[in-house]
C-alpha atoms as a PDB file:
ATOM      1  CA  UNK A   1       0.000   0.000   0.000  1.00  0.00           C
ATOM      2  CA  UNK A   2       1.442   3.367  -0.990  1.00  0.00           C
ATOM      3  CA  UNK A   3      -0.428   6.498  -0.030  1.00  0.00           C
ATOM      4  CA  UNK A   4      -0.241   9.399  -2.464  1.00  0.00           C
ATOM      5  CA  UNK A   5      -1.462  12.952  -2.125  1.00  0.00           C
ATOM      6  CA  UNK A   6      -4.329  13.624  -4.515  1.00  0.00           C
ATOM      7  CA  UNK A   7      -5.778  16.984  -5.492  1.00  0.00           C
ATOM      8  CA  UNK A   8      -9.301  16.673  -6.855  1.00  0.00           C
ATOM      9  CA  UNK A   9     -11.174  19.617  -8.390  1.00  0.00           C
ATOM     10  CA  UNK A  10     -14.917  19.190  -8.708  1.00  0.00           C
ATOM     11  CA  UNK A  11     -17.946  21.319  -9.556  1.00  0.00           C
ATOM     12  CA  UNK A  12     -20.835  21.005  -7.130  1.00  0.00           C
ATOM     13  CA  UNK A  13     -24.406  22.205  -7.183  1.00  0.00           C
ATOM     14  CA  UNK A  14     -25.086  24.936  -4.626  1.00  0.00           C
ATOM     15  CA  UNK A  15     -27.368  22.930  -2.369  1.00  0.00           C
ATOM     16  CA  UNK A  16     -27.022  21.073   0.933  1.00  0.00           C
ATOM     17  CA  UNK A  17     -25.258  17.716   0.956  1.00  0.00           C
ATOM     18  CA  UNK A  18     -23.225  18.082  -2.218  1.00  0.00           C
ATOM     19  CA  UNK A  19     -19.820  18.328  -0.528  1.00  0.00           C
ATOM     20  CA  UNK A  20     -20.683  15.343   1.658  1.00  0.00           C
ATOM     21  CA  UNK A  21     -21.553  13.423  -1.513  1.00  0.00           C
ATOM     22  CA  UNK A  22     -17.871  13.742  -2.533  1.00  0.00           C
ATOM     23  CA  UNK A  23     -16.311  13.305   0.904  1.00  0.00           C
ATOM     24  CA  UNK A  24     -18.114  10.084   1.852  1.00  0.00           C
ATOM     25  CA  UNK A  25     -16.566   7.934  -0.916  1.00  0.00           C
ATOM     26  CA  UNK A  26     -13.109   9.355  -0.127  1.00  0.00           C
ATOM     27  CA  UNK A  27     -13.544   8.457   3.542  1.00  0.00           C
ATOM     28  CA  UNK A  28     -15.106   5.101   2.694  1.00  0.00           C
ATOM     29  CA  UNK A  29     -12.001   4.113   0.735  1.00  0.00           C
ATOM     30  CA  UNK A  30      -9.657   5.100   3.545  1.00  0.00           C
ATOM     31  CA  UNK A  31      -8.773   8.560   2.251  1.00  0.00           C
ATOM     32  CA  UNK A  32      -7.490  11.143   4.707  1.00  0.00           C
ATOM     33  CA  UNK A  33      -8.567  14.726   3.929  1.00  0.00           C
ATOM     34  CA  UNK A  34      -5.664  17.202   3.981  1.00  0.00           C
ATOM     35  CA  UNK A  35      -7.523  20.327   2.868  1.00  0.00           C
ATOM     36  CA  UNK A  36     -10.631  21.695   1.187  1.00  0.00           C
ATOM     37  CA  UNK A  37     -10.934  24.956  -0.725  1.00  0.00           C
ATOM     38  CA  UNK A  38     -14.599  25.858  -1.138  1.00  0.00           C
ATOM     39  CA  UNK A  39     -15.376  29.335  -2.444  1.00  0.00           C
ATOM     40  CA  UNK A  40     -19.089  30.066  -2.403  1.00  0.00           C
ATOM     41  CA  UNK A  41     -18.567  33.428  -4.080  1.00  0.00           C
ATOM     42  CA  UNK A  42     -17.260  31.905  -7.318  1.00  0.00           C
ATOM     43  CA  UNK A  43     -19.308  30.059  -9.903  1.00  0.00           C
ATOM     44  CA  UNK A  44     -18.195  27.907 -12.814  1.00  0.00           C
ATOM     45  CA  UNK A  45     -19.604  28.350 -16.339  1.00  0.00           C
ATOM     46  CA  UNK A  46     -22.149  25.648 -15.394  1.00  0.00           C
ATOM     47  CA  UNK A  47     -23.244  27.853 -12.460  1.00  0.00           C
ATOM     48  CA  UNK A  48     -21.764  25.426  -9.940  1.00  0.00           C
ATOM     49  CA  UNK A  49     -19.331  25.891  -7.069  1.00  0.00           C
ATOM     50  CA  UNK A  50     -15.690  24.948  -7.666  1.00  0.00           C
ATOM     51  CA  UNK A  51     -14.257  22.860  -4.821  1.00  0.00           C
ATOM     52  CA  UNK A  52     -10.711  21.588  -4.502  1.00  0.00           C
ATOM     53  CA  UNK A  53     -10.094  18.667  -2.151  1.00  0.00           C
ATOM     54  CA  UNK A  54      -6.636  17.388  -1.199  1.00  0.00           C
ATOM     55  CA  UNK A  55      -6.373  13.995   0.436  1.00  0.00           C
ATOM     56  CA  UNK A  56      -4.043  11.056   0.944  1.00  0.00           C
ATOM     57  CA  UNK A  57      -5.137   7.663  -0.288  1.00  0.00           C
ATOM     58  CA  UNK A  58      -3.762   4.289  -1.314  1.00  0.00           C
ATOM     59  CA  UNK A  59      -2.704   4.793  -4.941  1.00  0.00           C
ATOM     60  CA  UNK A  60      -4.384   1.525  -5.947  1.00  0.00           C
ATOM     61  CA  UNK A  61      -7.819   2.887  -4.919  1.00  0.00           C
ATOM     62  CA  UNK A  62      -7.686   6.195  -6.815  1.00  0.00           C
ATOM     63  CA  UNK A  63      -9.229   5.000 -10.097  1.00  0.00           C
ATOM     64  CA  UNK A  64     -12.032   3.218  -8.220  1.00  0.00           C
ATOM     65  CA  UNK A  65     -12.762   6.480  -6.375  1.00  0.00           C
ATOM     66  CA  UNK A  66     -12.857   8.506  -9.613  1.00  0.00           C
ATOM     67  CA  UNK A  67     -15.226   5.951 -11.174  1.00  0.00           C
ATOM     68  CA  UNK A  68     -17.500   6.044  -8.117  1.00  0.00           C
ATOM     69  CA  UNK A  69     -17.619   9.846  -8.047  1.00  0.00           C
ATOM     70  CA  UNK A  70     -18.524   9.922 -11.741  1.00  0.00           C
ATOM     71  CA  UNK A  71     -21.282   7.356 -11.153  1.00  0.00           C
ATOM     72  CA  UNK A  72     -22.691   9.693  -8.475  1.00  0.00           C
ATOM     73  CA  UNK A  73     -22.923  12.474 -11.061  1.00  0.00           C
ATOM     74  CA  UNK A  74     -20.019  14.509  -9.666  1.00  0.00           C
ATOM     75  CA  UNK A  75     -18.391  16.737 -12.284  1.00  0.00           C
ATOM     76  CA  UNK A  76     -14.640  16.215 -11.966  1.00  0.00           C
ATOM     77  CA  UNK A  77     -12.664  19.102 -13.448  1.00  0.00           C
ATOM     78  CA  UNK A  78      -9.274  17.576 -12.713  1.00  0.00           C
ATOM     79  CA  UNK A  79      -7.389  15.250 -10.447  1.00  0.00           C
ATOM     80  CA  UNK A  80      -3.763  14.467 -10.051  1.00  0.00           C
ATOM     81  CA  UNK A  81      -1.433  12.468  -7.906  1.00  0.00           C
ATOM     82  CA  UNK A  82       0.975  14.778  -6.199  1.00  0.00           C
ATOM     83  CA  UNK A  83       4.381  13.438  -5.281  1.00  0.00           C
ATOM     84  CA  UNK A  84       4.822  16.219  -2.747  1.00  0.00           C
ATOM     85  CA  UNK A  85       3.835  14.899   0.657  1.00  0.00           C
ATOM     86  CA  UNK A  86       5.288  17.289   3.266  1.00  0.00           C
ATOM     87  CA  UNK A  87       3.654  20.718   3.443  1.00  0.00           C
ATOM     88  CA  UNK A  88       3.924  23.920   5.431  1.00  0.00           C
ATOM     89  CA  UNK A  89       2.811  27.528   5.048  1.00  0.00           C
ATOM     90  CA  UNK A  90       4.817  30.651   5.787  1.00  0.00           C
ATOM     91  CA  UNK A  91       3.965  34.337   5.963  1.00  0.00           C
ATOM     92  CA  UNK A  92       6.122  36.854   4.087  1.00  0.00           C
ATOM     93  CA  UNK A  93       6.003  40.568   4.903  1.00  0.00           C
ATOM     94  CA  UNK A  94       7.843  43.256   2.978  1.00  0.00           C
ATOM     95  CA  UNK A  95       8.278  44.668  -0.485  1.00  0.00           C
ATOM     96  CA  UNK A  96       7.492  41.364  -2.164  1.00  0.00           C
ATOM     97  CA  UNK A  97       6.460  42.698  -5.543  1.00  0.00           C
ATOM     98  CA  UNK A  98       9.269  45.240  -5.854  1.00  0.00           C
ATOM     99  CA  UNK A  99      11.891  42.623  -4.972  1.00  0.00           C
ATOM    100  CA  UNK A 100      10.642  40.183  -7.638  1.00  0.00           C
ATOM    101  CA  UNK A 101       8.281  37.731  -5.992  1.00  0.00           C
ATOM    102  CA  UNK A 102       8.819  35.322  -8.889  1.00  0.00           C
ATOM    103  CA  UNK A 103      12.508  35.061  -7.990  1.00  0.00           C
ATOM    104  CA  UNK A 104      11.626  34.590  -4.321  1.00  0.00           C
ATOM    105  CA  UNK A 105       9.220  31.746  -5.135  1.00  0.00           C
ATOM    106  CA  UNK A 106      11.704  30.126  -7.505  1.00  0.00           C
ATOM    107  CA  UNK A 107      14.193  29.814  -4.647  1.00  0.00           C
ATOM    108  CA  UNK A 108      11.942  27.213  -3.008  1.00  0.00           C
ATOM    109  CA  UNK A 109      12.656  24.547  -5.617  1.00  0.00           C
ATOM    110  CA  UNK A 110      15.052  21.991  -4.140  1.00  0.00           C
ATOM    111  CA  UNK A 111      16.261  19.850  -7.044  1.00  0.00           C
ATOM    112  CA  UNK A 112      12.688  19.529  -8.307  1.00  0.00           C
ATOM    113  CA  UNK A 113      11.698  18.125  -4.912  1.00  0.00           C
ATOM    114  CA  UNK A 114       9.843  21.168  -3.527  1.00  0.00           C
ATOM    115  CA  UNK A 115       7.647  23.938  -4.860  1.00  0.00           C
ATOM    116  CA  UNK A 116       5.203  26.670  -3.977  1.00  0.00           C
ATOM    117  CA  UNK A 117       1.770  25.102  -4.407  1.00  0.00           C
ATOM    118  CA  UNK A 118      -0.357  28.037  -3.271  1.00  0.00           C
ATOM    119  CA  UNK A 119       0.080  31.741  -2.641  1.00  0.00           C
ATOM    120  CA  UNK A 120      -2.208  34.522  -1.438  1.00  0.00           C
ATOM    121  CA  UNK A 121      -0.849  38.065  -1.742  1.00  0.00           C
ATOM    122  CA  UNK A 122      -2.213  41.255  -0.230  1.00  0.00           C
ATOM    123  CA  UNK A 123      -0.832  44.566  -1.495  1.00  0.00           C
ATOM    124  CA  UNK A 124      -2.753  47.403   0.204  1.00  0.00           C
ATOM    125  CA  UNK A 125      -0.649  50.217  -1.292  1.00  0.00           C
ATOM    126  CA  UNK A 126       1.346  50.259  -4.510  1.00  0.00           C
ATOM    127  CA  UNK A 127       4.473  51.607  -2.800  1.00  0.00           C
ATOM    128  CA  UNK A 128       3.948  49.977   0.606  1.00  0.00           C
ATOM    129  CA  UNK A 129       4.857  46.565   1.901  1.00  0.00           C
ATOM    130  CA  UNK A 130       2.772  43.576   0.963  1.00  0.00           C
ATOM    131  CA  UNK A 131       2.075  40.265   2.638  1.00  0.00           C
ATOM    132  CA  UNK A 132       1.837  36.763   1.243  1.00  0.00           C
ATOM    133  CA  UNK A 133       0.948  33.409   2.665  1.00  0.00           C
ATOM    134  CA  UNK A 134       2.855  30.770   0.752  1.00  0.00           C
ATOM    135  CA  UNK A 135       2.211  27.056   0.977  1.00  0.00           C
ATOM    136  CA  UNK A 136       5.249  24.931   0.197  1.00  0.00           C
ATOM    137  CA  UNK A 137       5.120  21.211  -0.513  1.00  0.00           C
ATOM    138  CA  UNK A 138       8.070  18.845  -0.852  1.00  0.00           C
ATOM    139  CA  UNK A 139       8.762  15.175  -1.415  1.00  0.00           C
ATOM    140  CA  UNK A 140       9.601  14.718   2.260  1.00  0.00           C
ATOM    141  CA  UNK A 141      10.275  16.530   5.512  1.00  0.00           C
ATOM    142  CA  UNK A 142      14.012  16.958   4.842  1.00  0.00           C
ATOM    143  CA  UNK A 143      13.408  18.497   1.410  1.00  0.00           C
ATOM    144  CA  UNK A 144      10.756  20.741   2.962  1.00  0.00           C
ATOM    145  CA  UNK A 145      13.264  21.957   5.563  1.00  0.00           C
ATOM    146  CA  UNK A 146      15.809  22.626   2.783  1.00  0.00           C
ATOM    147  CA  UNK A 147      13.241  24.601   0.795  1.00  0.00           C
ATOM    148  CA  UNK A 148      12.275  26.737   3.797  1.00  0.00           C
ATOM    149  CA  UNK A 149      15.966  27.385   4.573  1.00  0.00           C
ATOM    150  CA  UNK A 150      16.580  28.522   0.977  1.00  0.00           C
ATOM    151  CA  UNK A 151      13.537  30.780   1.189  1.00  0.00           C
ATOM    152  CA  UNK A 152      14.801  32.241   4.486  1.00  0.00           C
ATOM    153  CA  UNK A 153      18.151  33.022   2.884  1.00  0.00           C
ATOM    154  CA  UNK A 154      16.523  34.835  -0.042  1.00  0.00           C
ATOM    155  CA  UNK A 155      14.196  36.725   2.308  1.00  0.00           C
ATOM    156  CA  UNK A 156      17.133  37.896   4.456  1.00  0.00           C
ATOM    157  CA  UNK A 157      18.881  39.284   1.351  1.00  0.00           C
ATOM    158  CA  UNK A 158      15.698  41.044   0.216  1.00  0.00           C
ATOM    159  CA  UNK A 159      14.845  42.277   3.737  1.00  0.00           C
ATOM    160  CA  UNK A 160      11.573  40.356   3.770  1.00  0.00           C
ATOM    161  CA  UNK A 161      10.249  39.108   7.107  1.00  0.00           C
ATOM    162  CA  UNK A 162       9.450  35.381   7.102  1.00  0.00           C
ATOM    163  CA  UNK A 163       7.190  33.936   9.796  1.00  0.00           C
ATOM    164  CA  UNK A 164       6.882  30.168   9.984  1.00  0.00           C
ATOM    165  CA  UNK A 165       4.944  27.975  10.170  1.00  0.00           C
ATOM    166  CA  UNK A 166       1.570  29.636   9.734  1.00  0.00           C
ATOM    167  CA  UNK A 167      -0.744  26.642  10.061  1.00  0.00           C
ATOM    168  CA  UNK A 168       1.294  23.486  10.561  1.00  0.00           C
ATOM    169  CA  UNK A 169       4.350  22.512  12.474  1.00  0.00           C
ATOM    170  CA  UNK A 170       7.444  22.148  10.358  1.00  0.00           C
ATOM    171  CA  UNK A 171       9.114  19.077  11.794  1.00  0.00           C
END
């Protein structure tokens, strides 16, 4: 049995019970929910709610899950197995845009073993400091630590404050 991290994007009708309709088969097959992004304010072209669910599951059960969800009438926009299994989020504060945020994010890559998987930026004033919450995933805890250390080094050079971890403990 080899658990993999799966990210599943679905479109759900805006009515009670629809999210549960997706979560029950995941749970029933031994899946462990890692995160759910559910934005009620956004609608898809089919006037449905986009929902992204990340979970860990035995890789041999993934196709059975996809088939079951389709048989339940769930619209699956995408799904993928993610090889990145260790995750943490950090908060960056400073002149992120003016110091090339793309370069800052690129520093996270550790030999193709780590990457920024999500980022939320707030820039209240064009010339003022901005903030970003960055979620980093890596192929393991050691690679995650390396990625965060590289990011710290870049942030020190750019005079960006880095606060870690925001929502998990980096082991």
